[in-house]
Amino acid sequence: MVTNVRICAHNRSPSPEPIYNSEGKRLNTREYRTRKKLEEQRHNLIQEALRLNTDFKPPADYK
């Protein structure tokens, strides 16, 4: 598995406009967007497992 692969800026899709909170901290960083995407994917996979196997127990940290 390859990690820390850099993609040239002209080969990436453009970043969305930055969103800041009331303290001026950026909310929609690349890390945040990636984490949100992975959490959504995890949720979908757990829902599919529950649908396919009624005995499936979701992980303890699953919300």
PDB file of N, CA and C in Angstrom:
ATOM      1  N   MET A   1       0.837  -1.168   0.000  1.00  0.00           N
ATOM      2  CA  MET A   1       0.000   0.000   0.000  1.00  0.00           C
ATOM      3  C   MET A   1       0.886   1.237   0.000  1.00  0.00           C
ATOM      4  N   VAL A   2       0.571   2.162  -0.853  1.00  0.00           N
ATOM      5  CA  VAL A   2       1.335   3.398  -0.964  1.00  0.00           C
ATOM      6  C   VAL A   2       0.656   4.468  -0.122  1.00  0.00           C
ATOM      7  N   THR A   3       1.431   5.164   0.696  1.00  0.00           N
ATOM      8  CA  THR A   3       0.883   6.252   1.497  1.00  0.00           C
ATOM      9  C   THR A   3       1.620   7.538   1.185  1.00  0.00           C
ATOM     10  N   ASN A   4       1.020   8.626   1.561  1.00  0.00           N
ATOM     11  CA  ASN A   4       1.612   9.950   1.351  1.00  0.00           C
ATOM     12  C   ASN A   4       1.930  10.223  -0.114  1.00  0.00           C
ATOM     13  N   VAL A   5       1.057   9.803  -0.994  1.00  0.00           N
ATOM     14  CA  VAL A   5       1.237  10.070  -2.416  1.00  0.00           C
ATOM     15  C   VAL A   5       0.752  11.484  -2.686  1.00  0.00           C
ATOM     16  N   ARG A   6       1.577  12.259  -3.325  1.00  0.00           N
ATOM     17  CA  ARG A   6       1.204  13.635  -3.654  1.00  0.00           C
ATOM     18  C   ARG A   6       0.687  13.689  -5.081  1.00  0.00           C
ATOM     19  N   ILE A   7      -0.425  14.378  -5.263  1.00  0.00           N
ATOM     20  CA  ILE A   7      -1.007  14.577  -6.580  1.00  0.00           C
ATOM     21  C   ILE A   7      -0.805  16.044  -6.929  1.00  0.00           C
ATOM     22  N   CYS A   8      -0.318  16.284  -8.110  1.00  0.00           N
ATOM     23  CA  CYS A   8      -0.093  17.662  -8.543  1.00  0.00           C
ATOM     24  C   CYS A   8      -1.408  18.436  -8.490  1.00  0.00           C
ATOM     25  N   ALA A   9      -1.315  19.703  -8.155  1.00  0.00           N
ATOM     26  CA  ALA A   9      -2.512  20.538  -8.001  1.00  0.00           C
ATOM     27  C   ALA A   9      -3.354  20.580  -9.264  1.00  0.00           C
ATOM     28  N   HIS A  10      -2.722  20.570 -10.428  1.00  0.00           N
ATOM     29  CA  HIS A  10      -3.510  20.647 -11.659  1.00  0.00           C
ATOM     30  C   HIS A  10      -4.216  19.331 -11.984  1.00  0.00           C
ATOM     31  N   ASN A  11      -3.870  18.228 -11.295  1.00  0.00           N
ATOM     32  CA  ASN A  11      -4.529  16.938 -11.504  1.00  0.00           C
ATOM     33  C   ASN A  11      -5.634  16.674 -10.479  1.00  0.00           C
ATOM     34  N   ARG A  12      -5.737  17.530  -9.456  1.00  0.00           N
ATOM     35  CA  ARG A  12      -6.764  17.376  -8.423  1.00  0.00           C
ATOM     36  C   ARG A  12      -7.992  18.190  -8.790  1.00  0.00           C
ATOM     37  N   SER A  13      -9.116  17.772  -8.231  1.00  0.00           N
ATOM     38  CA  SER A  13     -10.303  18.609  -8.378  1.00  0.00           C
ATOM     39  C   SER A  13     -10.115  19.832  -7.478  1.00  0.00           C
ATOM     40  N   PRO A  14     -10.723  20.939  -7.829  1.00  0.00           N
ATOM     41  CA  PRO A  14     -10.520  22.154  -7.030  1.00  0.00           C
ATOM     42  C   PRO A  14     -11.138  22.010  -5.639  1.00  0.00           C
ATOM     43  N   SER A  15     -10.503  22.611  -4.661  1.00  0.00           N
ATOM     44  CA  SER A  15     -11.032  22.605  -3.300  1.00  0.00           C
ATOM     45  C   SER A  15     -12.257  23.502  -3.232  1.00  0.00           C
ATOM     46  N   PRO A  16     -13.217  23.144  -2.380  1.00  0.00           N
ATOM     47  CA  PRO A  16     -14.375  24.025  -2.221  1.00  0.00           C
ATOM     48  C   PRO A  16     -13.950  25.313  -1.516  1.00  0.00           C
ATOM     49  N   GLU A  17     -14.789  26.309  -1.614  1.00  0.00           N
ATOM     50  CA  GLU A  17     -14.505  27.566  -0.925  1.00  0.00           C
ATOM     51  C   GLU A  17     -14.362  27.286   0.571  1.00  0.00           C
ATOM     52  N   PRO A  18     -13.397  27.910   1.227  1.00  0.00           N
ATOM     53  CA  PRO A  18     -13.208  27.660   2.661  1.00  0.00           C
ATOM     54  C   PRO A  18     -14.394  28.161   3.481  1.00  0.00           C
ATOM     55  N   ILE A  19     -14.697  27.415   4.529  1.00  0.00           N
ATOM     56  CA  ILE A  19     -15.749  27.797   5.468  1.00  0.00           C
ATOM     57  C   ILE A  19     -15.073  27.964   6.824  1.00  0.00           C
ATOM     58  N   TYR A  20     -15.335  29.079   7.486  1.00  0.00           N
ATOM     59  CA  TYR A  20     -14.712  29.380   8.768  1.00  0.00           C
ATOM     60  C   TYR A  20     -15.775  29.501   9.852  1.00  0.00           C
ATOM     61  N   ASN A  21     -15.399  29.132  11.096  1.00  0.00           N
ATOM     62  CA  ASN A  21     -16.325  29.312  12.212  1.00  0.00           C
ATOM     63  C   ASN A  21     -16.194  30.732  12.745  1.00  0.00           C
ATOM     64  N   SER A  22     -16.898  31.039  13.815  1.00  0.00           N
ATOM     65  CA  SER A  22     -16.901  32.400  14.359  1.00  0.00           C
ATOM     66  C   SER A  22     -15.544  32.813  14.916  1.00  0.00           C
ATOM     67  N   GLU A  23     -14.680  31.839  15.210  1.00  0.00           N
ATOM     68  CA  GLU A  23     -13.343  32.142  15.731  1.00  0.00           C
ATOM     69  C   GLU A  23     -12.305  32.245  14.621  1.00  0.00           C
ATOM     70  N   GLY A  24     -12.726  32.074  13.386  1.00  0.00           N
ATOM     71  CA  GLY A  24     -11.811  32.175  12.259  1.00  0.00           C
ATOM     72  C   GLY A  24     -11.091  30.886  11.910  1.00  0.00           C
ATOM     73  N   LYS A  25     -11.485  29.772  12.527  1.00  0.00           N
ATOM     74  CA  LYS A  25     -10.857  28.483  12.237  1.00  0.00           C
ATOM     75  C   LYS A  25     -11.548  27.849  11.036  1.00  0.00           C
ATOM     76  N   ARG A  26     -10.748  27.320  10.125  1.00  0.00           N
ATOM     77  CA  ARG A  26     -11.327  26.699   8.929  1.00  0.00           C
ATOM     78  C   ARG A  26     -11.984  25.376   9.299  1.00  0.00           C
ATOM     79  N   LEU A  27     -13.186  25.167   8.775  1.00  0.00           N
ATOM     80  CA  LEU A  27     -13.957  23.972   9.103  1.00  0.00           C
ATOM     81  C   LEU A  27     -13.856  22.885   8.043  1.00  0.00           C
ATOM     82  N   ASN A  28     -13.803  23.230   6.791  1.00  0.00           N
ATOM     83  CA  ASN A  28     -13.852  22.219   5.731  1.00  0.00           C
ATOM     84  C   ASN A  28     -12.464  21.957   5.137  1.00  0.00           C
ATOM     85  N   THR A  29     -11.548  21.500   5.983  1.00  0.00           N
ATOM     86  CA  THR A  29     -10.206  21.173   5.513  1.00  0.00           C
ATOM     87  C   THR A  29     -10.252  19.876   4.712  1.00  0.00           C
ATOM     88  N   ARG A  30      -9.196  19.575   3.998  1.00  0.00           N
ATOM     89  CA  ARG A  30      -9.124  18.329   3.229  1.00  0.00           C
ATOM     90  C   ARG A  30      -9.255  17.129   4.166  1.00  0.00           C
ATOM     91  N   GLU A  31      -8.588  17.212   5.335  1.00  0.00           N
ATOM     92  CA  GLU A  31      -8.666  16.120   6.306  1.00  0.00           C
ATOM     93  C   GLU A  31     -10.107  15.909   6.770  1.00  0.00           C
ATOM     94  N   TYR A  32     -10.817  16.996   7.065  1.00  0.00           N
ATOM     95  CA  TYR A  32     -12.205  16.905   7.509  1.00  0.00           C
ATOM     96  C   TYR A  32     -13.083  16.273   6.432  1.00  0.00           C
ATOM     97  N   ARG A  33     -12.916  16.725   5.192  1.00  0.00           N
ATOM     98  CA  ARG A  33     -13.734  16.187   4.094  1.00  0.00           C
ATOM     99  C   ARG A  33     -13.445  14.704   3.870  1.00  0.00           C
ATOM    100  N   THR A  34     -12.173  14.308   3.968  1.00  0.00           N
ATOM    101  CA  THR A  34     -11.807  12.899   3.793  1.00  0.00           C
ATOM    102  C   THR A  34     -12.383  12.054   4.918  1.00  0.00           C
ATOM    103  N   ARG A  35     -12.253  12.532   6.160  1.00  0.00           N
ATOM    104  CA  ARG A  35     -12.784  11.795   7.307  1.00  0.00           C
ATOM    105  C   ARG A  35     -14.298  11.630   7.182  1.00  0.00           C
ATOM    106  N   LYS A  36     -14.982  12.691   6.785  1.00  0.00           N
ATOM    107  CA  LYS A  36     -16.444  12.636   6.621  1.00  0.00           C
ATOM    108  C   LYS A  36     -16.830  11.608   5.552  1.00  0.00           C
ATOM    109  N   LYS A  37     -16.087  11.589   4.451  1.00  0.00           N
ATOM    110  CA  LYS A  37     -16.349  10.637   3.373  1.00  0.00           C
ATOM    111  C   LYS A  37     -16.147   9.198   3.861  1.00  0.00           C
ATOM    112  N   LEU A  38     -15.071   8.960   4.625  1.00  0.00           N
ATOM    113  CA  LEU A  38     -14.801   7.621   5.150  1.00  0.00           C
ATOM    114  C   LEU A  38     -15.855   7.199   6.172  1.00  0.00           C
ATOM    115  N   GLU A  39     -16.293   8.127   7.020  1.00  0.00           N
ATOM    116  CA  GLU A  39     -17.338   7.809   7.995  1.00  0.00           C
ATOM    117  C   GLU A  39     -18.646   7.454   7.299  1.00  0.00           C
ATOM    118  N   GLU A  40     -18.967   8.163   6.238  1.00  0.00           N
ATOM    119  CA  GLU A  40     -20.185   7.865   5.480  1.00  0.00           C
ATOM    120  C   GLU A  40     -20.087   6.486   4.820  1.00  0.00           C
ATOM    121  N   GLN A  41     -18.916   6.179   4.278  1.00  0.00           N
ATOM    122  CA  GLN A  41     -18.697   4.873   3.656  1.00  0.00           C
ATOM    123  C   GLN A  41     -18.818   3.764   4.702  1.00  0.00           C
ATOM    124  N   ARG A  42     -18.245   3.986   5.891  1.00  0.00           N
ATOM    125  CA  ARG A  42     -18.326   3.006   6.977  1.00  0.00           C
ATOM    126  C   ARG A  42     -19.781   2.788   7.377  1.00  0.00           C
ATOM    127  N   HIS A  43     -20.530   3.874   7.515  1.00  0.00           N
ATOM    128  CA  HIS A  43     -21.941   3.782   7.876  1.00  0.00           C
ATOM    129  C   HIS A  43     -22.708   2.939   6.854  1.00  0.00           C
ATOM    130  N   ASN A  44     -22.472   3.198   5.574  1.00  0.00           N
ATOM    131  CA  ASN A  44     -23.161   2.449   4.519  1.00  0.00           C
ATOM    132  C   ASN A  44     -22.807   0.969   4.567  1.00  0.00           C
ATOM    133  N   LEU A  45     -21.536   0.658   4.822  1.00  0.00           N
ATOM    134  CA  LEU A  45     -21.119  -0.749   4.896  1.00  0.00           C
ATOM    135  C   LEU A  45     -21.744  -1.457   6.096  1.00  0.00           C
ATOM    136  N   ILE A  46     -21.810  -0.779   7.234  1.00  0.00           N
ATOM    137  CA  ILE A  46     -22.421  -1.380   8.420  1.00  0.00           C
ATOM    138  C   ILE A  46     -23.913  -1.584   8.197  1.00  0.00           C
ATOM    139  N   GLN A  47     -24.573  -0.620   7.582  1.00  0.00           N
ATOM    140  CA  GLN A  47     -26.000  -0.769   7.285  1.00  0.00           C
ATOM    141  C   GLN A  47     -26.245  -1.951   6.350  1.00  0.00           C
ATOM    142  N   GLU A  48     -25.379  -2.112   5.363  1.00  0.00           N
ATOM    143  CA  GLU A  48     -25.498  -3.241   4.432  1.00  0.00           C
ATOM    144  C   GLU A  48     -25.283  -4.566   5.163  1.00  0.00           C
ATOM    145  N   ALA A  49     -24.299  -4.615   6.061  1.00  0.00           N
ATOM    146  CA  ALA A  49     -24.043  -5.833   6.832  1.00  0.00           C
ATOM    147  C   ALA A  49     -25.243  -6.164   7.717  1.00  0.00           C
ATOM    148  N   LEU A  50     -25.842  -5.165   8.329  1.00  0.00           N
ATOM    149  CA  LEU A  50     -27.033  -5.389   9.157  1.00  0.00           C
ATOM    150  C   LEU A  50     -28.199  -5.908   8.324  1.00  0.00           C
ATOM    151  N   ARG A  51     -28.327  -5.396   7.116  1.00  0.00           N
ATOM    152  CA  ARG A  51     -29.410  -5.830   6.232  1.00  0.00           C
ATOM    153  C   ARG A  51     -29.213  -7.280   5.797  1.00  0.00           C
ATOM    154  N   LEU A  52     -27.957  -7.654   5.512  1.00  0.00           N
ATOM    155  CA  LEU A  52     -27.669  -8.995   5.008  1.00  0.00           C
ATOM    156  C   LEU A  52     -27.604 -10.050   6.109  1.00  0.00           C
ATOM    157  N   ASN A  53     -27.223  -9.639   7.321  1.00  0.00           N
ATOM    158  CA  ASN A  53     -27.037 -10.596   8.409  1.00  0.00           C
ATOM    159  C   ASN A  53     -27.656 -10.013   9.674  1.00  0.00           C
ATOM    160  N   THR A  54     -28.800 -10.543  10.067  1.00  0.00           N
ATOM    161  CA  THR A  54     -29.492 -10.010  11.244  1.00  0.00           C
ATOM    162  C   THR A  54     -28.730 -10.285  12.535  1.00  0.00           C
ATOM    163  N   ASP A  55     -27.791 -11.225  12.522  1.00  0.00           N
ATOM    164  CA  ASP A  55     -26.979 -11.516  13.709  1.00  0.00           C
ATOM    165  C   ASP A  55     -25.758 -10.610  13.821  1.00  0.00           C
ATOM    166  N   PHE A  56     -25.527  -9.799  12.816  1.00  0.00           N
ATOM    167  CA  PHE A  56     -24.360  -8.906  12.820  1.00  0.00           C
ATOM    168  C   PHE A  56     -24.485  -7.881  13.941  1.00  0.00           C
ATOM    169  N   LYS A  57     -23.413  -7.723  14.688  1.00  0.00           N
ATOM    170  CA  LYS A  57     -23.363  -6.715  15.745  1.00  0.00           C
ATOM    171  C   LYS A  57     -22.422  -5.608  15.301  1.00  0.00           C
ATOM    172  N   PRO A  58     -22.912  -4.374  15.191  1.00  0.00           N
ATOM    173  CA  PRO A  58     -22.038  -3.275  14.779  1.00  0.00           C
ATOM    174  C   PRO A  58     -20.934  -3.050  15.811  1.00  0.00           C
ATOM    175  N   PRO A  59     -19.833  -2.440  15.407  1.00  0.00           N
ATOM    176  CA  PRO A  59     -18.747  -2.154  16.344  1.00  0.00           C
ATOM    177  C   PRO A  59     -19.251  -1.311  17.521  1.00  0.00           C
ATOM    178  N   ALA A  60     -18.600  -1.446  18.662  1.00  0.00           N
ATOM    179  CA  ALA A  60     -19.026  -0.737  19.873  1.00  0.00           C
ATOM    180  C   ALA A  60     -19.012   0.777  19.685  1.00  0.00           C
ATOM    181  N   ASP A  61     -18.110   1.279  18.861  1.00  0.00           N
ATOM    182  CA  ASP A  61     -18.009   2.729  18.672  1.00  0.00           C
ATOM    183  C   ASP A  61     -18.907   3.241  17.547  1.00  0.00           C
ATOM    184  N   TYR A  62     -19.756   2.383  17.009  1.00  0.00           N
ATOM    185  CA  TYR A  62     -20.645   2.796  15.916  1.00  0.00           C
ATOM    186  C   TYR A  62     -21.792   3.621  16.468  1.00  0.00           C
ATOM    187  N   LYS A  63     -22.045   4.755  15.844  1.00  0.00           N
ATOM    188  CA  LYS A  63     -23.111   5.664  16.299  1.00  0.00           C
ATOM    189  C   LYS A  63     -24.373   5.416  15.509  1.00  0.00           C
TER     190      LYS A  63
END
